[in-house]
Amino acid sequence: MTDAIAQALDDLEAEFDLLGDWEERYRYVIDLGRELKPLSAEERTDANKVRGCASQVWLVTEAGPDGTMVFRGDSDAHIVRGLIAVLLRLYSGRTPAEIAAFDAKAAFEKLGLTGALSAQRSNGLFSMVERIRRDAAARL
């Protein structure tokens, strides 16, 4: 794991640790989602839609400076928008190699997300991760 992703994960873990129970953490995740800029109607295309999510989820992948990748996303569900915000903090602005080397499953366990999410939400979260990893692999 690169220093930048490790730092982003440590920051998220510290923020989660400040919150008490999972009810507070859910509210925080939802608040993170509220900070996301919504995608335009033109970006809510079938090509940008993430398969495997119960909610409507769109993910836009763009080339960033210095070979990095920039991700933007949106959903029709508040908690999912928050999960997208968490993923963007971890993945956006990273190189394809950094994305490929990052163990998302271990990161979500470290944050406690794995046990806190329903099976359906976990599947959706990993569908988003797989989409990000696939887009990164295409640029390696």
C-alpha atoms as a PDB file:
ATOM      1  CA  MET A   1       0.000   0.000   0.000  1.00  0.00           C
ATOM      2  CA  THR A   2       1.361   3.406  -0.912  1.00  0.00           C
ATOM      3  CA  ASP A   3       1.911   6.159   1.611  1.00  0.00           C
ATOM      4  CA  ALA A   4      -0.911   8.285   0.182  1.00  0.00           C
ATOM      5  CA  ILE A   5      -3.514   5.522   0.364  1.00  0.00           C
ATOM      6  CA  ALA A   6      -2.226   4.392   3.772  1.00  0.00           C
ATOM      7  CA  GLN A   7      -2.540   7.952   5.069  1.00  0.00           C
ATOM      8  CA  ALA A   8      -6.073   8.305   3.670  1.00  0.00           C
ATOM      9  CA  LEU A   9      -7.033   5.010   5.321  1.00  0.00           C
ATOM     10  CA  ASP A  10      -5.444   6.045   8.641  1.00  0.00           C
ATOM     11  CA  ASP A  11      -7.313   9.371   8.495  1.00  0.00           C
ATOM     12  CA  LEU A  12     -10.621   7.623   7.873  1.00  0.00           C
ATOM     13  CA  GLU A  13      -9.928   5.148  10.675  1.00  0.00           C
ATOM     14  CA  ALA A  14      -9.165   8.020  13.083  1.00  0.00           C
ATOM     15  CA  GLU A  15     -12.375   9.803  12.070  1.00  0.00           C
ATOM     16  CA  PHE A  16     -14.400   6.606  12.588  1.00  0.00           C
ATOM     17  CA  ASP A  17     -12.711   5.980  15.948  1.00  0.00           C
ATOM     18  CA  LEU A  18     -13.834   9.401  17.199  1.00  0.00           C
ATOM     19  CA  LEU A  19     -17.414   8.302  16.682  1.00  0.00           C
ATOM     20  CA  GLY A  20     -18.979   5.961  19.177  1.00  0.00           C
ATOM     21  CA  ASP A  21     -21.316   3.365  17.789  1.00  0.00           C
ATOM     22  CA  TRP A  22     -22.229   2.386  14.272  1.00  0.00           C
ATOM     23  CA  GLU A  23     -25.316   4.585  14.283  1.00  0.00           C
ATOM     24  CA  GLU A  24     -23.017   7.618  14.583  1.00  0.00           C
ATOM     25  CA  ARG A  25     -20.666   6.202  11.980  1.00  0.00           C
ATOM     26  CA  TYR A  26     -23.551   5.667   9.542  1.00  0.00           C
ATOM     27  CA  ARG A  27     -24.603   9.288  10.017  1.00  0.00           C
ATOM     28  CA  TYR A  28     -21.008  10.363   9.351  1.00  0.00           C
ATOM     29  CA  VAL A  29     -20.819   8.245   6.181  1.00  0.00           C
ATOM     30  CA  ILE A  30     -24.106   9.788   5.013  1.00  0.00           C
ATOM     31  CA  ASP A  31     -22.675  13.257   5.749  1.00  0.00           C
ATOM     32  CA  LEU A  32     -19.605  12.417   3.640  1.00  0.00           C
ATOM     33  CA  GLY A  33     -21.955  11.512   0.811  1.00  0.00           C
ATOM     34  CA  ARG A  34     -23.757  14.842   1.086  1.00  0.00           C
ATOM     35  CA  GLU A  35     -20.439  16.575   0.317  1.00  0.00           C
ATOM     36  CA  LEU A  36     -20.144  14.828  -3.055  1.00  0.00           C
ATOM     37  CA  LYS A  37     -20.882  16.945  -6.083  1.00  0.00           C
ATOM     38  CA  PRO A  38     -23.751  15.280  -7.942  1.00  0.00           C
ATOM     39  CA  LEU A  39     -23.095  13.954 -11.410  1.00  0.00           C
ATOM     40  CA  SER A  40     -24.820  15.651 -14.295  1.00  0.00           C
ATOM     41  CA  ALA A  41     -27.726  13.988 -16.084  1.00  0.00           C
ATOM     42  CA  GLU A  42     -25.368  13.421 -19.033  1.00  0.00           C
ATOM     43  CA  GLU A  43     -22.969  11.476 -16.782  1.00  0.00           C
ATOM     44  CA  ARG A  44     -25.712   9.195 -15.452  1.00  0.00           C
ATOM     45  CA  THR A  45     -25.340   6.885 -18.421  1.00  0.00           C
ATOM     46  CA  ASP A  46     -25.514   3.141 -18.738  1.00  0.00           C
ATOM     47  CA  ALA A  47     -21.755   3.118 -19.448  1.00  0.00           C
ATOM     48  CA  ASN A  48     -21.064   4.791 -16.081  1.00  0.00           C
ATOM     49  CA  LYS A  49     -23.505   2.617 -14.144  1.00  0.00           C
ATOM     50  CA  VAL A  50     -21.969   0.132 -11.709  1.00  0.00           C
ATOM     51  CA  ARG A  51     -23.395  -3.367 -12.023  1.00  0.00           C
ATOM     52  CA  GLY A  52     -23.984  -5.460  -8.907  1.00  0.00           C
ATOM     53  CA  CYS A  53     -25.361  -2.668  -6.721  1.00  0.00           C
ATOM     54  CA  ALA A  54     -28.925  -2.789  -5.410  1.00  0.00           C
ATOM     55  CA  SER A  55     -29.041   1.018  -5.570  1.00  0.00           C
ATOM     56  CA  GLN A  56     -28.440   3.103  -8.658  1.00  0.00           C
ATOM     57  CA  VAL A  57     -24.701   3.861  -8.725  1.00  0.00           C
ATOM     58  CA  TRP A  58     -22.721   5.754 -11.339  1.00  0.00           C
ATOM     59  CA  LEU A  59     -18.946   6.085 -11.419  1.00  0.00           C
ATOM     60  CA  VAL A  60     -17.019   8.398 -13.742  1.00  0.00           C
ATOM     61  CA  THR A  61     -13.338   7.702 -14.332  1.00  0.00           C
ATOM     62  CA  GLU A  62     -11.077  10.441 -15.655  1.00  0.00           C
ATOM     63  CA  ALA A  63      -7.360  10.835 -16.263  1.00  0.00           C
ATOM     64  CA  GLY A  64      -5.760  13.038 -13.668  1.00  0.00           C
ATOM     65  CA  PRO A  65      -2.423  14.832 -13.654  1.00  0.00           C
ATOM     66  CA  ASP A  66       0.796  12.844 -13.619  1.00  0.00           C
ATOM     67  CA  GLY A  67      -0.823   9.571 -14.642  1.00  0.00           C
ATOM     68  CA  THR A  68      -3.254   9.490 -11.746  1.00  0.00           C
ATOM     69  CA  MET A  69      -6.906   8.564 -11.988  1.00  0.00           C
ATOM     70  CA  VAL A  70      -9.747  10.736 -10.745  1.00  0.00           C
ATOM     71  CA  PHE A  71     -13.072   9.200  -9.804  1.00  0.00           C
ATOM     72  CA  ARG A  72     -16.419  10.865  -9.285  1.00  0.00           C
ATOM     73  CA  GLY A  73     -19.568   9.061  -8.291  1.00  0.00           C
ATOM     74  CA  ASP A  74     -23.189   9.364  -7.333  1.00  0.00           C
ATOM     75  CA  SER A  75     -26.064   7.215  -6.106  1.00  0.00           C
ATOM     76  CA  ASP A  76     -29.764   7.474  -5.405  1.00  0.00           C
ATOM     77  CA  ALA A  77     -29.209   6.107  -1.857  1.00  0.00           C
ATOM     78  CA  HIS A  78     -27.750   8.268   0.941  1.00  0.00           C
ATOM     79  CA  ILE A  79     -25.623   5.566   2.597  1.00  0.00           C
ATOM     80  CA  VAL A  80     -24.280   4.456  -0.793  1.00  0.00           C
ATOM     81  CA  ARG A  81     -23.314   8.057  -1.652  1.00  0.00           C
ATOM     82  CA  GLY A  82     -21.361   8.021   1.609  1.00  0.00           C
ATOM     83  CA  LEU A  83     -19.643   4.758   0.717  1.00  0.00           C
ATOM     84  CA  ILE A  84     -18.726   6.284  -2.649  1.00  0.00           C
ATOM     85  CA  ALA A  85     -17.208   9.242  -0.762  1.00  0.00           C
ATOM     86  CA  VAL A  86     -15.104   6.798   1.301  1.00  0.00           C
ATOM     87  CA  LEU A  87     -13.929   5.037  -1.872  1.00  0.00           C
ATOM     88  CA  LEU A  88     -13.056   8.342  -3.533  1.00  0.00           C
ATOM     89  CA  ARG A  89     -10.916   9.359  -0.565  1.00  0.00           C
ATOM     90  CA  LEU A  90      -9.003   6.102  -0.873  1.00  0.00           C
ATOM     91  CA  TYR A  91      -8.751   5.768  -4.665  1.00  0.00           C
ATOM     92  CA  SER A  92      -9.121   9.119  -6.414  1.00  0.00           C
ATOM     93  CA  GLY A  93      -5.855  10.833  -7.311  1.00  0.00           C
ATOM     94  CA  ARG A  94      -3.874   7.577  -7.251  1.00  0.00           C
ATOM     95  CA  THR A  95      -1.971   5.892 -10.057  1.00  0.00           C
ATOM     96  CA  PRO A  96      -3.250   2.664 -11.633  1.00  0.00           C
ATOM     97  CA  ALA A  97      -0.382   0.774  -9.941  1.00  0.00           C
ATOM     98  CA  GLU A  98      -1.332   2.173  -6.515  1.00  0.00           C
ATOM     99  CA  ILE A  99      -4.949   1.178  -7.075  1.00  0.00           C
ATOM    100  CA  ALA A 100      -3.959  -2.335  -8.172  1.00  0.00           C
ATOM    101  CA  ALA A 101      -1.746  -2.808  -5.088  1.00  0.00           C
ATOM    102  CA  PHE A 102      -4.395  -1.639  -2.593  1.00  0.00           C
ATOM    103  CA  ASP A 103      -6.213  -4.333  -0.591  1.00  0.00           C
ATOM    104  CA  ALA A 104      -9.719  -2.896  -0.276  1.00  0.00           C
ATOM    105  CA  LYS A 105     -11.048  -5.877   1.681  1.00  0.00           C
ATOM    106  CA  ALA A 106      -8.420  -5.422   4.407  1.00  0.00           C
ATOM    107  CA  ALA A 107      -9.098  -1.664   4.438  1.00  0.00           C
ATOM    108  CA  PHE A 108     -12.845  -2.145   4.929  1.00  0.00           C
ATOM    109  CA  GLU A 109     -12.161  -4.625   7.718  1.00  0.00           C
ATOM    110  CA  LYS A 110      -9.828  -2.088   9.353  1.00  0.00           C
ATOM    111  CA  LEU A 111     -12.593   0.529   9.177  1.00  0.00           C
ATOM    112  CA  GLY A 112     -15.138  -1.942  10.504  1.00  0.00           C
ATOM    113  CA  LEU A 113     -17.300  -1.575   7.413  1.00  0.00           C
ATOM    114  CA  THR A 114     -17.286  -5.260   6.550  1.00  0.00           C
ATOM    115  CA  GLY A 115     -19.184  -6.284   9.656  1.00  0.00           C
ATOM    116  CA  ALA A 116     -21.408  -3.201   9.768  1.00  0.00           C
ATOM    117  CA  LEU A 117     -22.877  -3.415   6.278  1.00  0.00           C
ATOM    118  CA  SER A 118     -25.588  -5.773   5.111  1.00  0.00           C
ATOM    119  CA  ALA A 119     -24.541  -8.464   2.654  1.00  0.00           C
ATOM    120  CA  GLN A 120     -26.287  -6.554  -0.131  1.00  0.00           C
ATOM    121  CA  ARG A 121     -24.445  -3.293   0.684  1.00  0.00           C
ATOM    122  CA  SER A 122     -21.116  -5.158   0.981  1.00  0.00           C
ATOM    123  CA  ASN A 123     -21.667  -6.728  -2.434  1.00  0.00           C
ATOM    124  CA  GLY A 124     -22.416  -3.299  -3.882  1.00  0.00           C
ATOM    125  CA  LEU A 125     -19.336  -1.806  -2.248  1.00  0.00           C
ATOM    126  CA  PHE A 126     -17.128  -4.517  -3.725  1.00  0.00           C
ATOM    127  CA  SER A 127     -18.800  -4.060  -7.128  1.00  0.00           C
ATOM    128  CA  MET A 128     -17.697  -0.416  -6.986  1.00  0.00           C
ATOM    129  CA  VAL A 129     -14.163  -1.460  -5.995  1.00  0.00           C
ATOM    130  CA  GLU A 130     -14.029  -3.979  -8.844  1.00  0.00           C
ATOM    131  CA  ARG A 131     -15.093  -1.282 -11.307  1.00  0.00           C
ATOM    132  CA  ILE A 132     -12.344   1.048 -10.028  1.00  0.00           C
ATOM    133  CA  ARG A 133      -9.766  -1.761 -10.213  1.00  0.00           C
ATOM    134  CA  ARG A 134     -10.883  -2.737 -13.732  1.00  0.00           C
ATOM    135  CA  ASP A 135     -10.595   0.875 -14.920  1.00  0.00           C
ATOM    136  CA  ALA A 136      -7.127   1.095 -13.333  1.00  0.00           C
ATOM    137  CA  ALA A 137      -6.005  -2.210 -14.871  1.00  0.00           C
ATOM    138  CA  ALA A 138      -6.989  -0.905 -18.304  1.00  0.00           C
ATOM    139  CA  ARG A 139      -4.468   1.930 -17.823  1.00  0.00           C
ATOM    140  CA  LEU A 140      -1.557  -0.157 -16.531  1.00  0.00           C
END
